[in-house]
Amino acid sequence: MNTKTKWIVPFRPSSHSYDATVVLRFENEEKADVAARMANNGPGYRSAVSHGKLLLISFSDGSWDEPDNTFEEIGWKGDYKEYNCYQELTVNITVPIGATHEALALVLGPTQAALFQELAHLCKQTKTTEAADTKTISFSYKGEAIYRQEQNGKYVFYLSSKWLHVEKTSVEVVVHI
């Protein structure tokens, strides 16, 4: 049984649409560390870092023939999936206790309320934590339907064919991968 898993995950780290990060899951940390050293010593526009059993290799300059060469160099023989904009993140939005969906536009402002509504529609997993007079709703998401970046002190979300520019002070974003 092959216990290795591989994903190609474009994080869009720059304006180049071909930049991507490949995530490989190894059987143990030692194999991931060895593969990272081998990938960093090879030719091409890439950098690699291991985190436990995970190996993240970032490719740039549109070198899409490079991942296959890199996999061969580090001895990777597993399958992989390719994603256009895969992200795993949690978005935390704090609202007053008792605020209705209709009142969110007044309480949060129109952009944050639109983000709340879209996240409520897209995210299957939510968690609510209550404080004295507020509650924080945590929306967890894994997939390609949300694209998020930071720009000029704001979070910029693209979801459901809408661009939403949200002040960083109004929401908390935790990126898992």
Protein backbone atom coordinates (compact mmCIF):
# COMPACT_ATOMS: atom_id res chain seq x y z
CA MET A 1 0.00 0.00 0.00
CA ASN A 2 1.39 3.41 -1.00
CA THR A 3 1.04 5.77 1.99
CA LYS A 4 2.37 8.81 0.13
CA THR A 5 0.05 11.56 -1.05
CA LYS A 6 0.77 14.53 -3.31
CA TRP A 7 -1.15 17.72 -4.21
CA ILE A 8 -0.22 20.61 -6.50
CA VAL A 9 -1.46 23.71 -4.72
CA PRO A 10 -1.17 27.09 -6.47
CA PHE A 11 -0.99 29.69 -3.69
CA ARG A 12 -0.58 32.47 -6.27
CA PRO A 13 2.36 34.01 -4.38
CA SER A 14 2.88 36.59 -7.12
CA SER A 15 1.24 37.93 -10.25
CA HIS A 16 2.54 34.93 -12.21
CA SER A 17 -0.37 32.54 -12.65
CA TYR A 18 2.01 29.60 -13.05
CA ASP A 19 3.62 29.87 -9.61
CA ALA A 20 2.57 26.93 -7.48
CA THR A 21 3.35 24.96 -4.37
CA VAL A 22 3.40 21.17 -4.30
CA VAL A 23 2.59 19.44 -1.00
CA LEU A 24 3.84 15.89 -0.52
CA ARG A 25 3.03 13.73 2.51
CA PHE A 26 5.76 11.23 3.44
CA GLU A 27 5.68 8.17 5.68
CA ASN A 28 7.87 9.88 8.29
CA GLU A 29 9.67 13.14 9.09
CA GLU A 30 13.12 11.83 8.18
CA LYS A 31 12.07 11.01 4.60
CA ALA A 32 10.48 14.46 4.24
CA ASP A 33 13.70 16.15 5.50
CA VAL A 34 15.88 14.16 3.09
CA ALA A 35 13.56 14.98 0.17
CA ALA A 36 13.65 18.71 1.08
CA ARG A 37 17.46 18.73 1.02
CA MET A 38 17.48 16.91 -2.33
CA ALA A 39 14.92 19.29 -3.85
CA ASN A 40 16.82 22.39 -2.68
CA ASN A 41 20.09 21.06 -4.13
CA GLY A 42 18.57 20.41 -7.57
CA PRO A 43 18.43 22.77 -10.55
CA GLY A 44 15.52 25.07 -11.37
CA TYR A 45 13.40 27.76 -9.78
CA ARG A 46 12.16 26.09 -6.62
CA SER A 47 12.52 26.07 -2.86
CA ALA A 48 11.52 23.30 -0.47
CA VAL A 49 10.81 23.10 3.25
CA SER A 50 9.59 20.20 5.38
CA HIS A 51 7.07 20.44 8.23
CA GLY A 52 6.86 17.08 9.98
CA LYS A 53 5.80 14.52 7.39
CA LEU A 54 4.87 17.27 4.88
CA LEU A 55 7.17 18.63 2.19
CA LEU A 56 6.24 21.92 0.51
CA ILE A 57 8.02 22.71 -2.76
CA SER A 58 7.38 26.12 -4.34
CA PHE A 59 7.91 26.43 -8.08
CA SER A 60 8.10 29.69 -9.99
CA ASP A 61 8.76 31.07 -13.46
CA GLY A 62 6.07 28.97 -15.09
CA SER A 63 8.21 25.82 -15.11
CA TRP A 64 5.41 23.25 -15.16
CA ASP A 65 7.70 20.56 -16.51
CA GLU A 66 9.77 21.04 -13.36
CA PRO A 67 7.54 19.21 -10.81
CA ASP A 68 7.86 15.89 -12.64
CA ASN A 69 11.66 16.31 -12.84
CA THR A 70 11.79 17.22 -9.15
CA PHE A 71 9.68 14.22 -8.16
CA GLU A 72 12.07 11.97 -10.06
CA GLU A 73 15.11 13.59 -8.39
CA ILE A 74 13.75 13.04 -4.87
CA GLY A 75 12.46 9.54 -5.62
CA TRP A 76 8.74 10.37 -5.47
CA LYS A 77 6.58 7.82 -7.28
CA GLY A 78 3.15 8.64 -5.85
CA ASP A 79 0.10 10.02 -7.63
CA TYR A 80 -1.00 13.63 -7.34
CA LYS A 81 -3.97 15.91 -7.82
CA GLU A 82 -3.72 19.31 -9.43
CA TYR A 83 -5.71 22.29 -8.14
CA ASN A 84 -6.07 25.78 -9.57
CA CYS A 85 -6.54 27.64 -6.29
CA TYR A 86 -6.80 25.23 -3.35
CA GLN A 87 -6.79 26.77 0.12
CA GLU A 88 -7.50 25.63 3.65
CA LEU A 89 -8.43 28.49 5.94
CA THR A 90 -10.57 29.59 8.85
CA VAL A 91 -12.26 33.00 8.88
CA ASN A 92 -13.37 34.31 12.29
CA ILE A 93 -16.05 37.03 12.38
CA THR A 94 -17.19 38.57 15.68
CA VAL A 95 -20.78 39.84 15.93
CA PRO A 96 -22.99 41.02 18.81
CA ILE A 97 -24.98 38.27 20.50
CA GLY A 98 -28.52 38.29 19.15
CA ALA A 99 -27.68 39.97 15.83
CA THR A 100 -29.90 38.61 13.09
CA HIS A 101 -28.77 37.96 9.52
CA GLU A 102 -30.84 40.98 8.45
CA ALA A 103 -29.05 43.24 10.95
CA LEU A 104 -25.55 42.17 9.94
CA ALA A 105 -25.23 44.84 7.23
CA LEU A 106 -25.83 47.52 9.88
CA VAL A 107 -23.63 45.91 12.53
CA LEU A 108 -20.71 44.79 10.33
CA GLY A 109 -20.98 47.04 7.32
CA PRO A 110 -22.01 45.92 3.83
CA THR A 111 -18.74 44.24 2.78
CA GLN A 112 -18.25 42.24 5.97
CA ALA A 113 -21.95 41.28 5.94
CA ALA A 114 -21.60 40.05 2.33
CA LEU A 115 -18.51 38.04 3.33
CA PHE A 116 -20.45 36.55 6.27
CA GLN A 117 -23.35 35.55 4.00
CA GLU A 118 -21.06 33.96 1.38
CA LEU A 119 -19.06 32.06 4.00
CA ALA A 120 -22.26 30.82 5.63
CA HIS A 121 -23.31 29.49 2.22
CA LEU A 122 -19.95 27.91 1.26
CA CYS A 123 -18.61 26.54 4.54
CA LYS A 124 -19.88 23.26 5.83
CA GLN A 125 -18.02 23.50 9.13
CA THR A 126 -18.64 26.37 11.55
CA LYS A 127 -17.95 26.86 15.24
CA THR A 128 -19.37 29.53 17.54
CA THR A 129 -17.63 30.86 20.66
CA GLU A 130 -19.50 33.27 22.94
CA ALA A 131 -18.04 36.00 25.14
CA ALA A 132 -19.84 38.52 27.37
CA ASP A 133 -21.74 40.43 24.67
CA THR A 134 -20.31 39.04 21.43
CA LYS A 135 -19.97 35.76 19.64
CA THR A 136 -17.24 34.71 17.22
CA ILE A 137 -18.27 32.53 14.33
CA SER A 138 -15.44 30.49 12.82
CA PHE A 139 -15.95 29.40 9.20
CA SER A 140 -13.59 26.58 8.15
CA TYR A 141 -13.06 25.97 4.46
CA LYS A 142 -11.09 23.54 2.29
CA GLY A 143 -11.32 23.80 -1.48
CA GLU A 144 -11.04 26.02 -4.53
CA ALA A 145 -14.15 28.21 -4.29
CA ILE A 146 -12.45 30.84 -2.11
CA TYR A 147 -9.38 32.80 -3.17
CA ARG A 148 -7.83 35.03 -0.49
CA GLN A 149 -4.86 37.36 -0.47
CA GLU A 150 -3.64 40.39 1.48
CA GLN A 151 -3.43 43.77 -0.24
CA ASN A 152 -2.93 47.30 1.13
CA GLY A 153 -3.75 46.30 4.72
CA LYS A 154 -6.94 44.49 3.69
CA TYR A 155 -7.98 40.93 3.02
CA VAL A 156 -9.22 40.48 -0.51
CA PHE A 157 -11.59 37.56 -1.01
CA TYR A 158 -12.90 36.26 -4.31
CA LEU A 159 -15.87 34.01 -3.82
CA SER A 160 -19.14 33.44 -5.65
CA SER A 161 -17.91 35.66 -8.53
CA LYS A 162 -17.48 38.65 -6.18
CA TRP A 163 -14.41 40.55 -5.00
CA LEU A 164 -14.72 41.58 -1.34
CA HIS A 165 -12.16 43.95 0.23
CA VAL A 166 -12.36 43.56 4.01
CA GLU A 167 -10.44 45.49 6.68
CA LYS A 168 -8.00 43.20 8.49
CA THR A 169 -9.23 44.54 11.82
CA SER A 170 -12.79 43.32 11.16
CA VAL A 171 -12.03 39.62 10.55
CA GLU A 172 -9.33 37.16 11.52
CA VAL A 173 -8.00 34.77 8.87
CA VAL A 174 -6.01 31.64 9.76
CA VAL A 175 -4.42 29.94 6.77
CA HIS A 176 -3.82 26.22 7.32
CA ILE A 177 -2.23 25.46 3.96
